[in-house]
Amino acid sequence: MSISQKRKWRSSEEIAVKVLEKNGFRIIDRGAKIVINGIEVGEVDAIAEDSSGVRYAVEIKAGTIDINGIRQAYVNSQLLGYKPLIVAKGFADESAEILASNLGVKTLLLSDQFIIDAEELEVIVETAFWRIIENVLDMMFIERALEAEDEETLNAMVKSGTIKELAESLNCSIEEAVDRIRKLQDKNVLGRNTKNYQELRLQAKLILLNHKLNKLLTPRN
């Protein structure tokens, strides 16, 4: 059974995001627009930040990357003022690989196939399911003392789909928004090892729900 190119690309994008996070990158934004003098001239698939705080304009390819794709990734990164990074299944040919090296385009190459049998898939799904249930219970039944700023950050996270939107909601820079998340992780309010913003956002929802329930159940004098 064949799948559409759009669905194939979306699948590759999700895999690429996971690969980036496993390699220590934090996803700052997705589908970032490139605007010059108020005019939109392009878009990159994601903005990612490494553990040193260096930011990359990320291009994600469902297949291999050719010379034109490398040039485009390089130009887009220059326009945004970030370093170029491509996630793809490989290079279309040797010339593409040489050009990427000469331009300083960082690459993360995905395997051509992701093959697992039915039994392996069942184990993976079951393990993931119980891990999610355990995390949900932790979020729901561990009582946390929240300060006013903590609640403000968590409420803003619930309403924001990306870190960029979180920064806008809090009326601060992206760096300050990331610092707020890290403070919550340092206080063990949010998961320390979680880099995926959507997972952190779900944690925020559960923590706030638990906080509201505790307030309702606490007897008033």
N, C-alpha and C. Protein backbone atom coordinates (compact mmCIF):
# COMPACT_ATOMS: atom_id res chain seq x y z
N MET A 1 0.85 -1.18 0.00
CA MET A 1 0.00 0.00 0.00
C MET A 1 0.89 1.24 0.00
N SER A 2 0.68 2.12 -0.94
CA SER A 2 1.50 3.33 -1.03
C SER A 2 0.89 4.43 -0.18
N ILE A 3 1.74 5.39 0.21
CA ILE A 3 1.26 6.54 0.97
C ILE A 3 1.56 7.80 0.19
N SER A 4 0.79 8.84 0.43
CA SER A 4 0.98 10.08 -0.29
C SER A 4 2.32 10.71 0.08
N GLN A 5 2.84 11.56 -0.82
CA GLN A 5 4.10 12.24 -0.55
C GLN A 5 3.97 13.15 0.66
N LYS A 6 2.81 13.81 0.80
CA LYS A 6 2.60 14.71 1.93
C LYS A 6 2.64 13.95 3.24
N ARG A 7 1.98 12.79 3.27
CA ARG A 7 1.97 11.99 4.50
C ARG A 7 3.36 11.42 4.78
N LYS A 8 4.05 11.04 3.72
CA LYS A 8 5.41 10.52 3.86
C LYS A 8 6.31 11.59 4.46
N TRP A 9 6.17 12.85 3.96
CA TRP A 9 6.99 13.94 4.47
C TRP A 9 6.67 14.22 5.93
N ARG A 10 5.38 14.21 6.29
CA ARG A 10 5.00 14.46 7.67
C ARG A 10 5.60 13.40 8.59
N SER A 11 5.59 12.15 8.14
CA SER A 11 6.18 11.07 8.93
C SER A 11 7.67 11.31 9.10
N SER A 12 8.34 11.70 8.02
CA SER A 12 9.78 11.99 8.08
C SER A 12 10.05 13.16 9.01
N GLU A 13 9.17 14.16 8.99
CA GLU A 13 9.35 15.33 9.84
C GLU A 13 9.29 14.94 11.31
N GLU A 14 8.33 14.11 11.69
CA GLU A 14 8.21 13.70 13.08
C GLU A 14 9.41 12.87 13.51
N ILE A 15 9.87 11.98 12.62
CA ILE A 15 11.06 11.19 12.92
C ILE A 15 12.26 12.10 13.08
N ALA A 16 12.38 13.09 12.18
CA ALA A 16 13.51 14.01 12.23
C ALA A 16 13.53 14.80 13.53
N VAL A 17 12.37 15.25 13.99
CA VAL A 17 12.28 16.00 15.24
C VAL A 17 12.76 15.14 16.41
N LYS A 18 12.35 13.87 16.42
CA LYS A 18 12.78 12.96 17.48
C LYS A 18 14.29 12.75 17.43
N VAL A 19 14.84 12.62 16.21
CA VAL A 19 16.28 12.44 16.05
C VAL A 19 17.03 13.66 16.58
N LEU A 20 16.53 14.84 16.26
CA LEU A 20 17.15 16.08 16.74
C LEU A 20 17.15 16.12 18.27
N GLU A 21 16.02 15.78 18.86
CA GLU A 21 15.91 15.83 20.33
C GLU A 21 16.82 14.80 20.98
N LYS A 22 16.94 13.63 20.37
CA LYS A 22 17.83 12.60 20.92
C LYS A 22 19.29 13.01 20.79
N ASN A 23 19.58 13.89 19.84
CA ASN A 23 20.94 14.38 19.66
C ASN A 23 21.20 15.66 20.46
N GLY A 24 20.30 15.97 21.39
CA GLY A 24 20.53 17.08 22.30
C GLY A 24 20.00 18.42 21.85
N PHE A 25 19.23 18.45 20.76
CA PHE A 25 18.67 19.71 20.28
C PHE A 25 17.32 19.99 20.94
N ARG A 26 17.03 21.26 21.13
CA ARG A 26 15.71 21.68 21.61
C ARG A 26 15.00 22.38 20.46
N ILE A 27 13.78 21.95 20.15
CA ILE A 27 13.02 22.56 19.06
C ILE A 27 12.41 23.87 19.55
N ILE A 28 12.85 24.98 18.94
CA ILE A 28 12.36 26.31 19.33
C ILE A 28 11.09 26.67 18.57
N ASP A 29 11.05 26.34 17.28
CA ASP A 29 9.90 26.71 16.46
C ASP A 29 9.83 25.75 15.27
N ARG A 30 8.63 25.61 14.70
CA ARG A 30 8.45 24.79 13.50
C ARG A 30 7.70 25.60 12.45
N GLY A 31 8.09 25.40 11.19
CA GLY A 31 7.46 26.18 10.12
C GLY A 31 7.76 27.65 10.25
N ALA A 32 9.01 27.99 10.57
CA ALA A 32 9.39 29.39 10.78
C ALA A 32 9.46 30.16 9.47
N LYS A 33 8.79 31.29 9.40
CA LYS A 33 8.75 32.11 8.19
C LYS A 33 10.02 32.96 8.08
N ILE A 34 10.44 33.19 6.85
CA ILE A 34 11.56 34.09 6.57
C ILE A 34 10.96 35.36 5.98
N VAL A 35 11.12 36.47 6.69
CA VAL A 35 10.50 37.74 6.29
C VAL A 35 11.58 38.80 6.07
N ILE A 36 11.55 39.45 4.91
CA ILE A 36 12.48 40.53 4.60
C ILE A 36 11.67 41.78 4.25
N ASN A 37 11.92 42.85 5.00
CA ASN A 37 11.19 44.11 4.78
C ASN A 37 9.68 43.91 4.75
N GLY A 38 9.21 43.06 5.65
CA GLY A 38 7.78 42.83 5.78
C GLY A 38 7.19 41.87 4.76
N ILE A 39 8.04 41.29 3.91
CA ILE A 39 7.56 40.37 2.88
C ILE A 39 8.08 38.96 3.15
N GLU A 40 7.18 37.99 3.16
CA GLU A 40 7.58 36.60 3.38
C GLU A 40 8.25 36.05 2.12
N VAL A 41 9.50 35.59 2.28
CA VAL A 41 10.26 35.10 1.13
C VAL A 41 10.59 33.62 1.22
N GLY A 42 10.23 32.99 2.33
CA GLY A 42 10.54 31.57 2.46
C GLY A 42 10.14 31.03 3.82
N GLU A 43 10.53 29.80 4.07
CA GLU A 43 10.17 29.13 5.31
C GLU A 43 11.16 28.00 5.57
N VAL A 44 11.50 27.78 6.83
CA VAL A 44 12.31 26.62 7.19
C VAL A 44 11.45 25.69 8.04
N ASP A 45 11.79 24.41 8.04
CA ASP A 45 10.96 23.43 8.72
C ASP A 45 11.01 23.58 10.24
N ALA A 46 12.17 23.99 10.76
CA ALA A 46 12.27 24.14 12.21
C ALA A 46 13.46 25.01 12.58
N ILE A 47 13.38 25.56 13.79
CA ILE A 47 14.52 26.24 14.40
C ILE A 47 14.88 25.40 15.62
N ALA A 48 16.14 24.96 15.68
CA ALA A 48 16.59 24.11 16.78
C ALA A 48 17.80 24.72 17.47
N GLU A 49 17.92 24.44 18.75
CA GLU A 49 19.03 24.97 19.55
C GLU A 49 19.79 23.80 20.16
N ASP A 50 21.14 23.79 20.03
CA ASP A 50 21.91 22.71 20.63
C ASP A 50 22.20 22.99 22.10
N SER A 51 22.92 22.08 22.75
CA SER A 51 23.16 22.19 24.19
C SER A 51 24.03 23.39 24.54
N SER A 52 24.73 23.96 23.55
CA SER A 52 25.57 25.13 23.78
C SER A 52 24.85 26.44 23.51
N GLY A 53 23.59 26.34 23.09
CA GLY A 53 22.81 27.54 22.80
C GLY A 53 22.92 28.02 21.37
N VAL A 54 23.63 27.24 20.52
CA VAL A 54 23.76 27.61 19.10
C VAL A 54 22.48 27.21 18.37
N ARG A 55 21.96 28.12 17.55
CA ARG A 55 20.70 27.86 16.85
C ARG A 55 20.93 27.50 15.39
N TYR A 56 20.06 26.63 14.90
CA TYR A 56 20.16 26.14 13.53
C TYR A 56 18.82 26.30 12.81
N ALA A 57 18.92 26.67 11.53
CA ALA A 57 17.75 26.65 10.65
C ALA A 57 17.72 25.25 10.04
N VAL A 58 16.66 24.50 10.33
CA VAL A 58 16.62 23.08 9.96
C VAL A 58 15.74 22.83 8.75
N GLU A 59 16.30 22.13 7.78
CA GLU A 59 15.54 21.65 6.62
C GLU A 59 15.38 20.15 6.74
N ILE A 60 14.17 19.65 6.55
CA ILE A 60 13.90 18.22 6.67
C ILE A 60 13.47 17.67 5.32
N LYS A 61 14.12 16.61 4.88
CA LYS A 61 13.82 15.99 3.60
C LYS A 61 13.36 14.55 3.81
N ALA A 62 12.28 14.17 3.12
CA ALA A 62 11.78 12.80 3.22
C ALA A 62 12.72 11.82 2.53
N GLY A 63 13.49 12.31 1.54
CA GLY A 63 14.40 11.45 0.81
C GLY A 63 15.84 11.93 0.94
N THR A 64 16.57 11.90 -0.17
CA THR A 64 17.96 12.36 -0.15
C THR A 64 18.02 13.85 -0.48
N ILE A 65 19.16 14.44 -0.17
CA ILE A 65 19.35 15.87 -0.39
C ILE A 65 20.31 16.10 -1.55
N ASP A 66 19.93 16.97 -2.49
CA ASP A 66 20.79 17.25 -3.64
C ASP A 66 21.43 18.64 -3.50
N ILE A 67 22.18 19.04 -4.51
CA ILE A 67 22.88 20.32 -4.49
C ILE A 67 21.93 21.49 -4.30
N ASN A 68 20.82 21.48 -5.03
CA ASN A 68 19.85 22.59 -4.91
C ASN A 68 19.29 22.70 -3.50
N GLY A 69 19.02 21.56 -2.89
CA GLY A 69 18.50 21.57 -1.53
C GLY A 69 19.50 22.11 -0.53
N ILE A 70 20.77 21.77 -0.75
CA ILE A 70 21.83 22.26 0.13
C ILE A 70 21.98 23.77 -0.02
N ARG A 71 21.97 24.25 -1.25
CA ARG A 71 22.06 25.69 -1.49
C ARG A 71 20.92 26.44 -0.82
N GLN A 72 19.71 25.90 -0.97
CA GLN A 72 18.54 26.55 -0.39
C GLN A 72 18.63 26.58 1.13
N ALA A 73 19.07 25.46 1.74
CA ALA A 73 19.21 25.40 3.19
C ALA A 73 20.24 26.42 3.67
N TYR A 74 21.31 26.56 2.92
CA TYR A 74 22.37 27.51 3.29
C TYR A 74 21.86 28.95 3.21
N VAL A 75 21.19 29.28 2.11
CA VAL A 75 20.67 30.64 1.92
C VAL A 75 19.64 30.97 3.02
N ASN A 76 18.72 30.04 3.29
CA ASN A 76 17.70 30.29 4.32
C ASN A 76 18.33 30.54 5.68
N SER A 77 19.37 29.76 6.00
CA SER A 77 20.03 29.93 7.30
C SER A 77 20.70 31.30 7.40
N GLN A 78 21.29 31.75 6.29
CA GLN A 78 21.93 33.06 6.28
C GLN A 78 20.92 34.17 6.47
N LEU A 79 19.76 34.03 5.85
CA LEU A 79 18.72 35.05 5.98
C LEU A 79 18.20 35.15 7.41
N LEU A 80 18.15 34.01 8.09
CA LEU A 80 17.64 34.00 9.47
C LEU A 80 18.74 34.30 10.49
N GLY A 81 19.98 34.22 10.06
CA GLY A 81 21.09 34.47 10.98
C GLY A 81 21.44 33.28 11.84
N TYR A 82 21.06 32.06 11.41
CA TYR A 82 21.38 30.85 12.14
C TYR A 82 22.32 29.97 11.32
N LYS A 83 22.78 28.89 11.91
CA LYS A 83 23.60 27.94 11.18
C LYS A 83 22.69 26.96 10.42
N PRO A 84 23.17 26.42 9.27
CA PRO A 84 22.34 25.50 8.50
C PRO A 84 22.44 24.05 8.98
N LEU A 85 21.31 23.38 9.00
CA LEU A 85 21.26 21.98 9.39
C LEU A 85 20.22 21.26 8.54
N ILE A 86 20.60 20.11 7.98
CA ILE A 86 19.68 19.33 7.16
C ILE A 86 19.53 17.94 7.77
N VAL A 87 18.29 17.48 7.87
CA VAL A 87 18.01 16.10 8.28
C VAL A 87 17.42 15.40 7.06
N ALA A 88 18.08 14.35 6.58
CA ALA A 88 17.64 13.65 5.37
C ALA A 88 18.11 12.20 5.42
N LYS A 89 17.72 11.44 4.41
CA LYS A 89 18.11 10.03 4.35
C LYS A 89 19.48 9.82 3.73
N GLY A 90 20.08 10.90 3.27
CA GLY A 90 21.41 10.77 2.68
C GLY A 90 21.61 11.83 1.61
N PHE A 91 22.76 11.76 0.96
CA PHE A 91 23.07 12.68 -0.14
C PHE A 91 22.69 12.06 -1.47
N ALA A 92 22.20 12.89 -2.38
CA ALA A 92 21.82 12.40 -3.70
C ALA A 92 23.04 11.91 -4.47
N ASP A 93 24.18 12.56 -4.28
CA ASP A 93 25.42 12.16 -4.96
C ASP A 93 26.61 12.75 -4.21
N GLU A 94 27.80 12.45 -4.71
CA GLU A 94 29.02 12.91 -4.05
C GLU A 94 29.16 14.43 -4.08
N SER A 95 28.73 15.04 -5.17
CA SER A 95 28.85 16.49 -5.28
C SER A 95 28.02 17.20 -4.21
N ALA A 96 26.88 16.63 -3.86
CA ALA A 96 26.04 17.22 -2.82
C ALA A 96 26.75 17.14 -1.47
N GLU A 97 27.38 16.03 -1.21
CA GLU A 97 28.11 15.85 0.04
C GLU A 97 29.29 16.83 0.14
N ILE A 98 30.01 17.01 -0.98
CA ILE A 98 31.15 17.93 -1.00
C ILE A 98 30.69 19.36 -0.77
N LEU A 99 29.59 19.76 -1.42
CA LEU A 99 29.08 21.11 -1.27
C LEU A 99 28.66 21.38 0.18
N ALA A 100 27.99 20.41 0.79
CA ALA A 100 27.56 20.58 2.19
C ALA A 100 28.77 20.79 3.09
N SER A 101 29.82 20.04 2.84
CA SER A 101 31.04 20.17 3.63
C SER A 101 31.68 21.54 3.44
N ASN A 102 31.75 22.00 2.20
CA ASN A 102 32.39 23.28 1.90
C ASN A 102 31.61 24.47 2.46
N LEU A 103 30.27 24.35 2.47
CA LEU A 103 29.43 25.45 2.96
C LEU A 103 29.23 25.40 4.48
N GLY A 104 29.70 24.32 5.10
CA GLY A 104 29.52 24.18 6.54
C GLY A 104 28.10 23.83 6.92
N VAL A 105 27.40 23.11 6.03
CA VAL A 105 26.03 22.69 6.31
C VAL A 105 26.07 21.41 7.13
N LYS A 106 25.62 21.47 8.37
CA LYS A 106 25.59 20.30 9.25
C LYS A 106 24.50 19.35 8.78
N THR A 107 24.76 18.04 8.80
CA THR A 107 23.77 17.07 8.35
C THR A 107 23.57 15.97 9.38
N LEU A 108 22.31 15.55 9.55
CA LEU A 108 21.97 14.37 10.33
C LEU A 108 21.27 13.42 9.37
N LEU A 109 21.86 12.27 9.16
CA LEU A 109 21.35 11.34 8.16
C LEU A 109 20.51 10.25 8.82
N LEU A 110 19.32 10.05 8.28
CA LEU A 110 18.42 9.02 8.77
C LEU A 110 18.67 7.71 8.02
N SER A 111 18.34 6.59 8.65
CA SER A 111 18.44 5.31 7.97
C SER A 111 17.42 5.26 6.84
N ASP A 112 17.71 4.49 5.81
CA ASP A 112 16.80 4.38 4.67
C ASP A 112 15.50 3.68 5.06
N GLN A 113 15.57 2.78 6.03
CA GLN A 113 14.37 2.03 6.41
C GLN A 113 14.29 1.91 7.92
N PHE A 114 13.08 1.86 8.42
CA PHE A 114 12.85 1.61 9.83
C PHE A 114 11.98 0.36 9.89
N ILE A 115 12.63 -0.81 10.03
CA ILE A 115 11.92 -2.07 9.91
C ILE A 115 11.88 -2.79 11.25
N ILE A 116 10.70 -3.13 11.72
CA ILE A 116 10.55 -3.95 12.91
C ILE A 116 9.45 -4.97 12.64
N ASP A 117 9.53 -6.13 13.30
CA ASP A 117 8.49 -7.13 13.08
C ASP A 117 7.31 -6.88 14.03
N ALA A 118 6.26 -7.68 13.87
CA ALA A 118 5.02 -7.46 14.63
C ALA A 118 5.24 -7.59 16.13
N GLU A 119 6.03 -8.59 16.57
CA GLU A 119 6.26 -8.79 17.99
C GLU A 119 7.04 -7.62 18.59
N GLU A 120 8.06 -7.13 17.87
CA GLU A 120 8.83 -5.98 18.34
C GLU A 120 7.93 -4.75 18.46
N LEU A 121 7.06 -4.56 17.47
CA LEU A 121 6.14 -3.42 17.49
C LEU A 121 5.21 -3.49 18.69
N GLU A 122 4.71 -4.70 19.01
CA GLU A 122 3.80 -4.87 20.14
C GLU A 122 4.50 -4.50 21.45
N VAL A 123 5.75 -4.92 21.60
CA VAL A 123 6.52 -4.63 22.81
C VAL A 123 6.76 -3.12 22.93
N ILE A 124 7.14 -2.49 21.81
CA ILE A 124 7.41 -1.06 21.81
C ILE A 124 6.17 -0.27 22.19
N VAL A 125 5.03 -0.62 21.57
CA VAL A 125 3.78 0.09 21.84
C VAL A 125 3.35 -0.11 23.29
N GLU A 126 3.45 -1.35 23.79
CA GLU A 126 3.04 -1.64 25.16
C GLU A 126 3.92 -0.90 26.17
N THR A 127 5.23 -0.90 25.92
CA THR A 127 6.15 -0.20 26.81
C THR A 127 5.87 1.30 26.82
N ALA A 128 5.64 1.86 25.63
CA ALA A 128 5.36 3.29 25.53
C ALA A 128 4.06 3.63 26.24
N PHE A 129 3.05 2.75 26.10
CA PHE A 129 1.75 2.98 26.72
C PHE A 129 1.88 3.06 28.25
N TRP A 130 2.59 2.09 28.84
CA TRP A 130 2.72 2.08 30.29
C TRP A 130 3.60 3.22 30.79
N ARG A 131 4.58 3.63 29.98
CA ARG A 131 5.41 4.78 30.35
C ARG A 131 4.56 6.04 30.40
N ILE A 132 3.65 6.18 29.42
CA ILE A 132 2.77 7.35 29.39
C ILE A 132 1.83 7.35 30.60
N ILE A 133 1.26 6.18 30.91
CA ILE A 133 0.36 6.07 32.07
C ILE A 133 1.10 6.43 33.35
N GLU A 134 2.34 5.94 33.49
CA GLU A 134 3.13 6.23 34.69
C GLU A 134 3.40 7.73 34.80
N ASN A 135 3.76 8.35 33.68
CA ASN A 135 4.03 9.79 33.69
C ASN A 135 2.79 10.60 34.03
N VAL A 136 1.64 10.16 33.50
CA VAL A 136 0.37 10.85 33.78
C VAL A 136 0.04 10.77 35.26
N LEU A 137 0.22 9.58 35.85
CA LEU A 137 -0.07 9.41 37.28
C LEU A 137 0.87 10.26 38.13
N ASP A 138 2.13 10.33 37.72
CA ASP A 138 3.09 11.18 38.44
C ASP A 138 2.64 12.63 38.42
N MET A 139 2.21 13.08 37.25
CA MET A 139 1.77 14.47 37.12
C MET A 139 0.51 14.74 37.94
N MET A 140 -0.36 13.72 38.03
CA MET A 140 -1.66 13.93 38.65
C MET A 140 -1.63 13.81 40.17
N PHE A 141 -0.75 12.95 40.71
CA PHE A 141 -0.86 12.65 42.14
C PHE A 141 0.32 13.11 42.98
N ILE A 142 1.32 13.72 42.36
CA ILE A 142 2.40 14.31 43.15
C ILE A 142 2.08 15.79 43.36
N GLU A 143 1.89 16.16 44.62
CA GLU A 143 1.52 17.55 44.92
C GLU A 143 2.75 18.43 44.85
N ARG A 144 2.63 19.57 44.19
CA ARG A 144 3.74 20.50 44.02
C ARG A 144 3.33 21.88 44.52
N ALA A 145 4.27 22.52 45.21
CA ALA A 145 4.03 23.89 45.66
C ALA A 145 4.38 24.82 44.50
N LEU A 146 3.39 25.54 44.02
CA LEU A 146 3.59 26.42 42.88
C LEU A 146 3.58 27.88 43.30
N GLU A 147 4.60 28.61 42.87
CA GLU A 147 4.64 30.04 43.09
C GLU A 147 3.86 30.74 41.97
N ALA A 148 3.62 32.02 42.14
CA ALA A 148 2.83 32.78 41.16
C ALA A 148 3.45 32.72 39.77
N GLU A 149 4.78 32.86 39.69
CA GLU A 149 5.45 32.81 38.39
C GLU A 149 5.34 31.42 37.76
N ASP A 150 5.39 30.37 38.62
CA ASP A 150 5.25 29.01 38.11
C ASP A 150 3.89 28.83 37.43
N GLU A 151 2.83 29.28 38.11
CA GLU A 151 1.49 29.15 37.55
C GLU A 151 1.36 29.96 36.26
N GLU A 152 1.96 31.13 36.25
CA GLU A 152 1.91 31.97 35.05
C GLU A 152 2.56 31.26 33.87
N THR A 153 3.71 30.67 34.11
CA THR A 153 4.43 29.96 33.04
C THR A 153 3.64 28.75 32.57
N LEU A 154 3.12 27.97 33.51
CA LEU A 154 2.37 26.76 33.15
C LEU A 154 1.10 27.11 32.37
N ASN A 155 0.40 28.13 32.80
CA ASN A 155 -0.82 28.56 32.09
C ASN A 155 -0.49 29.03 30.67
N ALA A 156 0.63 29.74 30.54
CA ALA A 156 1.04 30.21 29.21
C ALA A 156 1.44 29.04 28.32
N MET A 157 2.07 28.03 28.89
CA MET A 157 2.45 26.84 28.13
C MET A 157 1.23 26.12 27.58
N VAL A 158 0.21 26.01 28.41
CA VAL A 158 -1.03 25.33 27.99
C VAL A 158 -1.63 26.01 26.76
N LYS A 159 -1.52 27.33 26.69
CA LYS A 159 -2.13 28.10 25.60
C LYS A 159 -1.21 28.27 24.39
N SER A 160 0.05 27.80 24.49
CA SER A 160 1.03 28.05 23.43
C SER A 160 1.49 26.75 22.78
N GLY A 161 1.42 26.71 21.45
CA GLY A 161 1.80 25.50 20.73
C GLY A 161 3.29 25.33 20.53
N THR A 162 4.06 26.42 20.62
CA THR A 162 5.52 26.37 20.44
C THR A 162 6.18 27.27 21.48
N ILE A 163 7.50 27.14 21.61
CA ILE A 163 8.24 27.99 22.54
C ILE A 163 8.16 29.45 22.09
N LYS A 164 8.14 29.65 20.78
CA LYS A 164 8.01 31.01 20.26
C LYS A 164 6.70 31.63 20.70
N GLU A 165 5.60 30.88 20.61
CA GLU A 165 4.30 31.38 21.05
C GLU A 165 4.29 31.59 22.57
N LEU A 166 5.02 30.73 23.29
CA LEU A 166 5.11 30.89 24.75
C LEU A 166 5.78 32.21 25.09
N ALA A 167 6.86 32.53 24.38
CA ALA A 167 7.56 33.79 24.61
C ALA A 167 6.64 34.98 24.35
N GLU A 168 5.85 34.88 23.27
CA GLU A 168 4.92 35.96 22.94
C GLU A 168 3.84 36.10 24.02
N SER A 169 3.37 34.96 24.52
CA SER A 169 2.33 34.98 25.55
C SER A 169 2.84 35.60 26.85
N LEU A 170 4.11 35.33 27.17
CA LEU A 170 4.72 35.85 28.40
C LEU A 170 5.32 37.24 28.19
N ASN A 171 5.27 37.72 26.94
CA ASN A 171 5.84 39.02 26.59
C ASN A 171 7.32 39.09 26.96
N CYS A 172 8.06 38.05 26.54
CA CYS A 172 9.49 38.00 26.83
C CYS A 172 10.21 37.41 25.63
N SER A 173 11.53 37.32 25.69
CA SER A 173 12.30 36.73 24.61
C SER A 173 12.21 35.21 24.67
N ILE A 174 12.60 34.54 23.57
CA ILE A 174 12.60 33.08 23.54
C ILE A 174 13.56 32.54 24.59
N GLU A 175 14.72 33.21 24.75
CA GLU A 175 15.71 32.79 25.75
C GLU A 175 15.11 32.82 27.15
N GLU A 176 14.35 33.87 27.46
CA GLU A 176 13.73 33.99 28.78
C GLU A 176 12.64 32.93 28.98
N ALA A 177 11.92 32.61 27.89
CA ALA A 177 10.89 31.57 27.98
C ALA A 177 11.52 30.21 28.26
N VAL A 178 12.63 29.93 27.57
CA VAL A 178 13.36 28.68 27.79
C VAL A 178 13.89 28.63 29.22
N ASP A 179 14.39 29.75 29.73
CA ASP A 179 14.89 29.80 31.11
C ASP A 179 13.77 29.51 32.10
N ARG A 180 12.57 29.99 31.81
CA ARG A 180 11.43 29.73 32.71
C ARG A 180 11.13 28.23 32.77
N ILE A 181 11.19 27.58 31.60
CA ILE A 181 10.95 26.13 31.56
C ILE A 181 12.03 25.40 32.34
N ARG A 182 13.28 25.82 32.15
CA ARG A 182 14.39 25.17 32.86
C ARG A 182 14.27 25.34 34.37
N LYS A 183 13.79 26.49 34.81
CA LYS A 183 13.59 26.72 36.25
C LYS A 183 12.56 25.74 36.80
N LEU A 184 11.48 25.52 36.04
CA LEU A 184 10.46 24.56 36.47
C LEU A 184 11.03 23.14 36.50
N GLN A 185 11.92 22.84 35.55
CA GLN A 185 12.56 21.52 35.55
C GLN A 185 13.52 21.38 36.73
N ASP A 186 14.25 22.44 37.04
CA ASP A 186 15.18 22.40 38.17
C ASP A 186 14.44 22.21 39.50
N LYS A 187 13.20 22.72 39.56
CA LYS A 187 12.39 22.58 40.78
C LYS A 187 11.58 21.29 40.78
N ASN A 188 11.81 20.46 39.74
CA ASN A 188 11.09 19.17 39.59
C ASN A 188 9.59 19.35 39.41
N VAL A 189 9.20 20.51 38.94
CA VAL A 189 7.80 20.72 38.59
C VAL A 189 7.53 20.05 37.24
N LEU A 190 8.42 20.29 36.28
CA LEU A 190 8.36 19.62 34.98
C LEU A 190 9.47 18.59 34.88
N GLY A 191 9.28 17.60 34.00
CA GLY A 191 10.26 16.54 33.84
C GLY A 191 11.63 17.06 33.42
N ARG A 192 12.67 16.68 34.13
CA ARG A 192 14.03 17.16 33.86
C ARG A 192 14.56 16.68 32.51
N ASN A 193 14.23 15.44 32.13
CA ASN A 193 14.81 14.85 30.93
C ASN A 193 13.94 15.04 29.68
N THR A 194 12.86 15.79 29.82
CA THR A 194 11.95 16.00 28.69
C THR A 194 12.39 17.19 27.87
N LYS A 195 12.69 16.97 26.57
CA LYS A 195 13.10 18.06 25.69
C LYS A 195 11.97 18.45 24.72
N ASN A 196 11.03 17.53 24.51
CA ASN A 196 9.93 17.78 23.58
C ASN A 196 8.94 18.76 24.21
N TYR A 197 8.74 19.90 23.55
CA TYR A 197 7.88 20.94 24.12
C TYR A 197 6.44 20.45 24.26
N GLN A 198 5.96 19.64 23.31
CA GLN A 198 4.58 19.17 23.40
C GLN A 198 4.38 18.27 24.61
N GLU A 199 5.38 17.48 24.97
CA GLU A 199 5.29 16.65 26.17
C GLU A 199 5.29 17.53 27.42
N LEU A 200 6.13 18.56 27.40
CA LEU A 200 6.17 19.49 28.53
C LEU A 200 4.83 20.22 28.67
N ARG A 201 4.24 20.54 27.53
CA ARG A 201 2.94 21.22 27.53
C ARG A 201 1.86 20.34 28.14
N LEU A 202 1.89 19.04 27.82
CA LEU A 202 0.94 18.10 28.41
C LEU A 202 1.16 18.00 29.91
N GLN A 203 2.42 17.97 30.32
CA GLN A 203 2.72 17.94 31.76
C GLN A 203 2.15 19.18 32.44
N ALA A 204 2.29 20.32 31.79
CA ALA A 204 1.77 21.57 32.36
C ALA A 204 0.26 21.47 32.58
N LYS A 205 -0.46 20.92 31.60
CA LYS A 205 -1.91 20.76 31.71
C LYS A 205 -2.28 19.88 32.91
N LEU A 206 -1.57 18.76 33.05
CA LEU A 206 -1.87 17.82 34.14
C LEU A 206 -1.54 18.42 35.50
N ILE A 207 -0.43 19.15 35.58
CA ILE A 207 -0.03 19.77 36.85
C ILE A 207 -1.05 20.81 37.28
N LEU A 208 -1.50 21.63 36.34
CA LEU A 208 -2.49 22.65 36.66
C LEU A 208 -3.83 22.02 37.07
N LEU A 209 -4.20 20.93 36.39
CA LEU A 209 -5.44 20.23 36.75
C LEU A 209 -5.34 19.68 38.17
N ASN A 210 -4.20 19.06 38.48
CA ASN A 210 -3.98 18.52 39.82
C ASN A 210 -4.00 19.64 40.87
N HIS A 211 -3.41 20.77 40.53
CA HIS A 211 -3.37 21.92 41.44
C HIS A 211 -4.77 22.44 41.73
N LYS A 212 -5.60 22.52 40.69
CA LYS A 212 -6.98 22.99 40.87
C LYS A 212 -7.80 22.01 41.70
N LEU A 213 -7.61 20.72 41.46
CA LEU A 213 -8.33 19.69 42.21
C LEU A 213 -7.96 19.74 43.69
N ASN A 214 -6.67 19.92 43.97
CA ASN A 214 -6.23 20.00 45.37
C ASN A 214 -6.84 21.21 46.07
N LYS A 215 -6.97 22.32 45.36
CA LYS A 215 -7.59 23.51 45.95
C LYS A 215 -9.05 23.26 46.28
N LEU A 216 -9.74 22.56 45.35
CA LEU A 216 -11.16 22.28 45.57
C LEU A 216 -11.38 21.30 46.73
N LEU A 217 -10.44 20.36 46.88
CA LEU A 217 -10.60 19.31 47.91
C LEU A 217 -10.06 19.72 49.27
N THR A 218 -9.28 20.82 49.31
CA THR A 218 -8.72 21.27 50.58
C THR A 218 -9.80 21.98 51.41
N PRO A 219 -10.06 21.48 52.62
CA PRO A 219 -11.13 22.10 53.46
C PRO A 219 -10.79 23.55 53.78
N ARG A 220 -11.80 24.41 53.71
CA ARG A 220 -11.61 25.82 54.06
C ARG A 220 -12.03 26.05 55.50
N ASN A 221 -11.24 26.86 56.18
CA ASN A 221 -11.55 27.17 57.61
C ASN A 221 -12.67 28.20 57.70
